[in-house]
Amino acid sequence: MIIMTIRFYLLLTKLINYLRKCHSFRRKCFKVLHQIIFILFLIICFLFLILRM
C-alpha cells in the first residue's frame, strides 16, 4: 500500500513537471491545478489508510 502511494506520488510529480513545461505562462492556472492534485493525493492516502484498517 505504501509503495503504491509513493509510486502514485512520483507519477504525479512527473505529470506536474510536464504540465509546468507546457504551461509555464499560465502560473495561476498551474497553481490551481497543483492544489487540486495535492488534495486528490491526500484523499487517496486517506482512503488507503481506511482500507488498511
PDB file of N, CA and C in Angstrom:
ATOM      1  N   MET A   1       0.827  -1.207   0.000  1.00  0.00           N
ATOM      2  CA  MET A   1       0.000   0.000   0.000  1.00  0.00           C
ATOM      3  C   MET A   1       0.868   1.266   0.000  1.00  0.00           C
ATOM      4  N   ILE A   2       1.843   1.308   0.866  1.00  0.00           N
ATOM      5  CA  ILE A   2       2.729   2.479   0.968  1.00  0.00           C
ATOM      6  C   ILE A   2       3.523   2.647  -0.330  1.00  0.00           C
ATOM      7  N   ILE A   3       4.019   1.537  -0.874  1.00  0.00           N
ATOM      8  CA  ILE A   3       4.785   1.580  -2.120  1.00  0.00           C
ATOM      9  C   ILE A   3       3.915   2.112  -3.258  1.00  0.00           C
ATOM     10  N   MET A   4       2.653   1.686  -3.286  1.00  0.00           N
ATOM     11  CA  MET A   4       1.717   2.156  -4.309  1.00  0.00           C
ATOM     12  C   MET A   4       1.489   3.659  -4.217  1.00  0.00           C
ATOM     13  N   THR A   5       1.347   4.160  -3.002  1.00  0.00           N
ATOM     14  CA  THR A   5       1.143   5.605  -2.809  1.00  0.00           C
ATOM     15  C   THR A   5       2.377   6.386  -3.242  1.00  0.00           C
ATOM     16  N   ILE A   6       3.560   5.858  -2.948  1.00  0.00           N
ATOM     17  CA  ILE A   6       4.809   6.511  -3.353  1.00  0.00           C
ATOM     18  C   ILE A   6       4.918   6.527  -4.882  1.00  0.00           C
ATOM     19  N   ARG A   7       4.589   5.403  -5.508  1.00  0.00           N
ATOM     20  CA  ARG A   7       4.611   5.326  -6.975  1.00  0.00           C
ATOM     21  C   ARG A   7       3.633   6.317  -7.580  1.00  0.00           C
ATOM     22  N   PHE A   8       2.457   6.392  -6.985  1.00  0.00           N
ATOM     23  CA  PHE A   8       1.431   7.318  -7.455  1.00  0.00           C
ATOM     24  C   PHE A   8       1.902   8.761  -7.319  1.00  0.00           C
ATOM     25  N   TYR A   9       2.540   9.058  -6.197  1.00  0.00           N
ATOM     26  CA  TYR A   9       3.060  10.409  -5.961  1.00  0.00           C
ATOM     27  C   TYR A   9       4.164  10.761  -6.956  1.00  0.00           C
ATOM     28  N   LEU A  10       5.034   9.835  -7.251  1.00  0.00           N
ATOM     29  CA  LEU A  10       6.098  10.046  -8.241  1.00  0.00           C
ATOM     30  C   LEU A  10       5.510  10.290  -9.627  1.00  0.00           C
ATOM     31  N   LEU A  11       4.462   9.546  -9.940  1.00  0.00           N
ATOM     32  CA  LEU A  11       3.761   9.726 -11.207  1.00  0.00           C
ATOM     33  C   LEU A  11       3.156  11.128 -11.277  1.00  0.00           C
ATOM     34  N   LEU A  12       2.586  11.578 -10.171  1.00  0.00           N
ATOM     35  CA  LEU A  12       2.010  12.921 -10.099  1.00  0.00           C
ATOM     36  C   LEU A  12       3.069  14.000 -10.271  1.00  0.00           C
ATOM     37  N   THR A  13       4.215  13.828  -9.646  1.00  0.00           N
ATOM     38  CA  THR A  13       5.288  14.819  -9.767  1.00  0.00           C
ATOM     39  C   THR A  13       5.783  14.905 -11.207  1.00  0.00           C
ATOM     40  N   LYS A  14       5.848  13.769 -11.890  1.00  0.00           N
ATOM     41  CA  LYS A  14       6.233  13.756 -13.309  1.00  0.00           C
ATOM     42  C   LYS A  14       5.203  14.518 -14.140  1.00  0.00           C
ATOM     43  N   LEU A  15       3.941  14.266 -13.838  1.00  0.00           N
ATOM     44  CA  LEU A  15       2.848  14.947 -14.531  1.00  0.00           C
ATOM     45  C   LEU A  15       2.887  16.450 -14.280  1.00  0.00           C
ATOM     46  N   ILE A  16       3.142  16.833 -13.038  1.00  0.00           N
ATOM     47  CA  ILE A  16       3.234  18.248 -12.665  1.00  0.00           C
ATOM     48  C   ILE A  16       4.399  18.916 -13.399  1.00  0.00           C
ATOM     49  N   ASN A  17       5.542  18.274 -13.432  1.00  0.00           N
ATOM     50  CA  ASN A  17       6.707  18.818 -14.142  1.00  0.00           C
ATOM     51  C   ASN A  17       6.432  18.988 -15.637  1.00  0.00           C
ATOM     52  N   TYR A  18       5.738  18.005 -16.200  1.00  0.00           N
ATOM     53  CA  TYR A  18       5.380  18.065 -17.619  1.00  0.00           C
ATOM     54  C   TYR A  18       4.433  19.235 -17.890  1.00  0.00           C
ATOM     55  N   LEU A  19       3.434  19.391 -17.012  1.00  0.00           N
ATOM     56  CA  LEU A  19       2.475  20.487 -17.154  1.00  0.00           C
ATOM     57  C   LEU A  19       3.154  21.845 -16.962  1.00  0.00           C
ATOM     58  N   ARG A  20       4.124  21.883 -16.080  1.00  0.00           N
ATOM     59  CA  ARG A  20       4.872  23.123 -15.828  1.00  0.00           C
ATOM     60  C   ARG A  20       5.630  23.559 -17.079  1.00  0.00           C
ATOM     61  N   LYS A  21       6.220  22.607 -17.765  1.00  0.00           N
ATOM     62  CA  LYS A  21       6.951  22.895 -19.010  1.00  0.00           C
ATOM     63  C   LYS A  21       5.996  23.381 -20.102  1.00  0.00           C
ATOM     64  N   CYS A  22       4.848  22.732 -20.182  1.00  0.00           N
ATOM     65  CA  CYS A  22       3.873  23.077 -21.224  1.00  0.00           C
ATOM     66  C   CYS A  22       3.183  24.412 -20.962  1.00  0.00           C
ATOM     67  N   HIS A  23       2.837  24.644 -19.710  1.00  0.00           N
ATOM     68  CA  HIS A  23       2.057  25.846 -19.373  1.00  0.00           C
ATOM     69  C   HIS A  23       2.797  26.765 -18.396  1.00  0.00           C
ATOM     70  N   SER A  24       4.028  27.061 -18.713  1.00  0.00           N
ATOM     71  CA  SER A  24       4.829  27.937 -17.849  1.00  0.00           C
ATOM     72  C   SER A  24       4.295  29.368 -17.840  1.00  0.00           C
ATOM     73  N   PHE A  25       3.567  29.729 -18.880  1.00  0.00           N
ATOM     74  CA  PHE A  25       2.997  31.075 -18.985  1.00  0.00           C
ATOM     75  C   PHE A  25       1.687  31.209 -18.205  1.00  0.00           C
ATOM     76  N   ARG A  26       1.120  30.080 -17.820  1.00  0.00           N
ATOM     77  CA  ARG A  26      -0.130  30.105 -17.049  1.00  0.00           C
ATOM     78  C   ARG A  26       0.152  29.771 -15.592  1.00  0.00           C
ATOM     79  N   ARG A  27       0.682  30.708 -14.878  1.00  0.00           N
ATOM     80  CA  ARG A  27       1.078  30.476 -13.475  1.00  0.00           C
ATOM     81  C   ARG A  27      -0.118  30.230 -12.559  1.00  0.00           C
ATOM     82  N   LYS A  28      -1.123  31.081 -12.680  1.00  0.00           N
ATOM     83  CA  LYS A  28      -2.302  30.956 -11.819  1.00  0.00           C
ATOM     84  C   LYS A  28      -3.026  29.643 -12.049  1.00  0.00           C
ATOM     85  N   CYS A  29      -3.192  29.293 -13.314  1.00  0.00           N
ATOM     86  CA  CYS A  29      -3.854  28.046 -13.697  1.00  0.00           C
ATOM     87  C   CYS A  29      -3.078  26.849 -13.136  1.00  0.00           C
ATOM     88  N   PHE A  30      -1.777  26.905 -13.225  1.00  0.00           N
ATOM     89  CA  PHE A  30      -0.930  25.833 -12.721  1.00  0.00           C
ATOM     90  C   PHE A  30      -1.037  25.686 -11.205  1.00  0.00           C
ATOM     91  N   LYS A  31      -1.073  26.814 -10.508  1.00  0.00           N
ATOM     92  CA  LYS A  31      -1.185  26.777  -9.045  1.00  0.00           C
ATOM     93  C   LYS A  31      -2.480  26.100  -8.614  1.00  0.00           C
ATOM     94  N   VAL A  32      -3.559  26.430  -9.302  1.00  0.00           N
ATOM     95  CA  VAL A  32      -4.866  25.829  -9.004  1.00  0.00           C
ATOM     96  C   VAL A  32      -4.821  24.327  -9.285  1.00  0.00           C
ATOM     97  N   LEU A  33      -4.244  23.954 -10.413  1.00  0.00           N
ATOM     98  CA  LEU A  33      -4.103  22.553 -10.797  1.00  0.00           C
ATOM     99  C   LEU A  33      -3.274  21.787  -9.765  1.00  0.00           C
ATOM    100  N   HIS A  34      -2.216  22.378  -9.326  1.00  0.00           N
ATOM    101  CA  HIS A  34      -1.346  21.765  -8.326  1.00  0.00           C
ATOM    102  C   HIS A  34      -2.094  21.520  -7.019  1.00  0.00           C
ATOM    103  N   GLN A  35      -2.889  22.488  -6.601  1.00  0.00           N
ATOM    104  CA  GLN A  35      -3.700  22.349  -5.385  1.00  0.00           C
ATOM    105  C   GLN A  35      -4.695  21.210  -5.513  1.00  0.00           C
ATOM    106  N   ILE A  36      -5.351  21.118  -6.676  1.00  0.00           N
ATOM    107  CA  ILE A  36      -6.325  20.052  -6.918  1.00  0.00           C
ATOM    108  C   ILE A  36      -5.655  18.678  -6.850  1.00  0.00           C
ATOM    109  N   ILE A  37      -4.501  18.548  -7.496  1.00  0.00           N
ATOM    110  CA  ILE A  37      -3.757  17.285  -7.493  1.00  0.00           C
ATOM    111  C   ILE A  37      -3.308  16.921  -6.080  1.00  0.00           C
ATOM    112  N   PHE A  38      -2.864  17.907  -5.316  1.00  0.00           N
ATOM    113  CA  PHE A  38      -2.432  17.678  -3.943  1.00  0.00           C
ATOM    114  C   PHE A  38      -3.587  17.202  -3.073  1.00  0.00           C
ATOM    115  N   ILE A  39      -4.751  17.824  -3.230  1.00  0.00           N
ATOM    116  CA  ILE A  39      -5.951  17.437  -2.478  1.00  0.00           C
ATOM    117  C   ILE A  39      -6.359  16.007  -2.846  1.00  0.00           C
ATOM    118  N   LEU A  40      -6.328  15.685  -4.134  1.00  0.00           N
ATOM    119  CA  LEU A  40      -6.647  14.330  -4.592  1.00  0.00           C
ATOM    120  C   LEU A  40      -5.686  13.309  -3.999  1.00  0.00           C
ATOM    121  N   PHE A  41      -4.414  13.658  -3.944  1.00  0.00           N
ATOM    122  CA  PHE A  41      -3.402  12.781  -3.358  1.00  0.00           C
ATOM    123  C   PHE A  41      -3.685  12.524  -1.871  1.00  0.00           C
ATOM    124  N   LEU A  42      -4.058  13.560  -1.143  1.00  0.00           N
ATOM    125  CA  LEU A  42      -4.394  13.422   0.268  1.00  0.00           C
ATOM    126  C   LEU A  42      -5.605  12.521   0.470  1.00  0.00           C
ATOM    127  N   ILE A  43      -6.614  12.696  -0.392  1.00  0.00           N
ATOM    128  CA  ILE A  43      -7.824  11.869  -0.316  1.00  0.00           C
ATOM    129  C   ILE A  43      -7.483  10.399  -0.561  1.00  0.00           C
ATOM    130  N   ILE A  44      -6.638  10.137  -1.565  1.00  0.00           N
ATOM    131  CA  ILE A  44      -6.228   8.765  -1.889  1.00  0.00           C
ATOM    132  C   ILE A  44      -5.448   8.139  -0.728  1.00  0.00           C
ATOM    133  N   CYS A  45      -4.557   8.893  -0.134  1.00  0.00           N
ATOM    134  CA  CYS A  45      -3.797   8.402   1.037  1.00  0.00           C
ATOM    135  C   CYS A  45      -4.737   8.069   2.181  1.00  0.00           C
ATOM    136  N   PHE A  46      -5.713   8.926   2.408  1.00  0.00           N
ATOM    137  CA  PHE A  46      -6.694   8.725   3.462  1.00  0.00           C
ATOM    138  C   PHE A  46      -7.518   7.464   3.202  1.00  0.00           C
ATOM    139  N   LEU A  47      -7.912   7.249   1.965  1.00  0.00           N
ATOM    140  CA  LEU A  47      -8.656   6.045   1.582  1.00  0.00           C
ATOM    141  C   LEU A  47      -7.822   4.786   1.797  1.00  0.00           C
ATOM    142  N   PHE A  48      -6.541   4.857   1.467  1.00  0.00           N
ATOM    143  CA  PHE A  48      -5.650   3.717   1.706  1.00  0.00           C
ATOM    144  C   PHE A  48      -5.563   3.383   3.194  1.00  0.00           C
ATOM    145  N   LEU A  49      -5.493   4.404   4.021  1.00  0.00           N
ATOM    146  CA  LEU A  49      -5.446   4.195   5.465  1.00  0.00           C
ATOM    147  C   LEU A  49      -6.722   3.544   5.975  1.00  0.00           C
ATOM    148  N   ILE A  50      -7.864   3.972   5.441  1.00  0.00           N
ATOM    149  CA  ILE A  50      -9.155   3.383   5.837  1.00  0.00           C
ATOM    150  C   ILE A  50      -9.215   1.917   5.404  1.00  0.00           C
ATOM    151  N   LEU A  51      -8.789   1.630   4.197  1.00  0.00           N
ATOM    152  CA  LEU A  51      -8.806   0.260   3.683  1.00  0.00           C
ATOM    153  C   LEU A  51      -7.896  -0.670   4.483  1.00  0.00           C
ATOM    154  N   ARG A  52      -6.811  -0.150   4.978  1.00  0.00           N
ATOM    155  CA  ARG A  52      -5.882  -0.955   5.788  1.00  0.00           C
ATOM    156  C   ARG A  52      -6.484  -1.316   7.134  1.00  0.00           C
ATOM    157  N   MET A  53      -7.350  -0.476   7.645  1.00  0.00           N
ATOM    158  CA  MET A  53      -7.989  -0.715   8.952  1.00  0.00           C
ATOM    159  C   MET A  53      -9.216  -1.615   8.800  1.00  0.00           C
TER     160      MET A  53
END
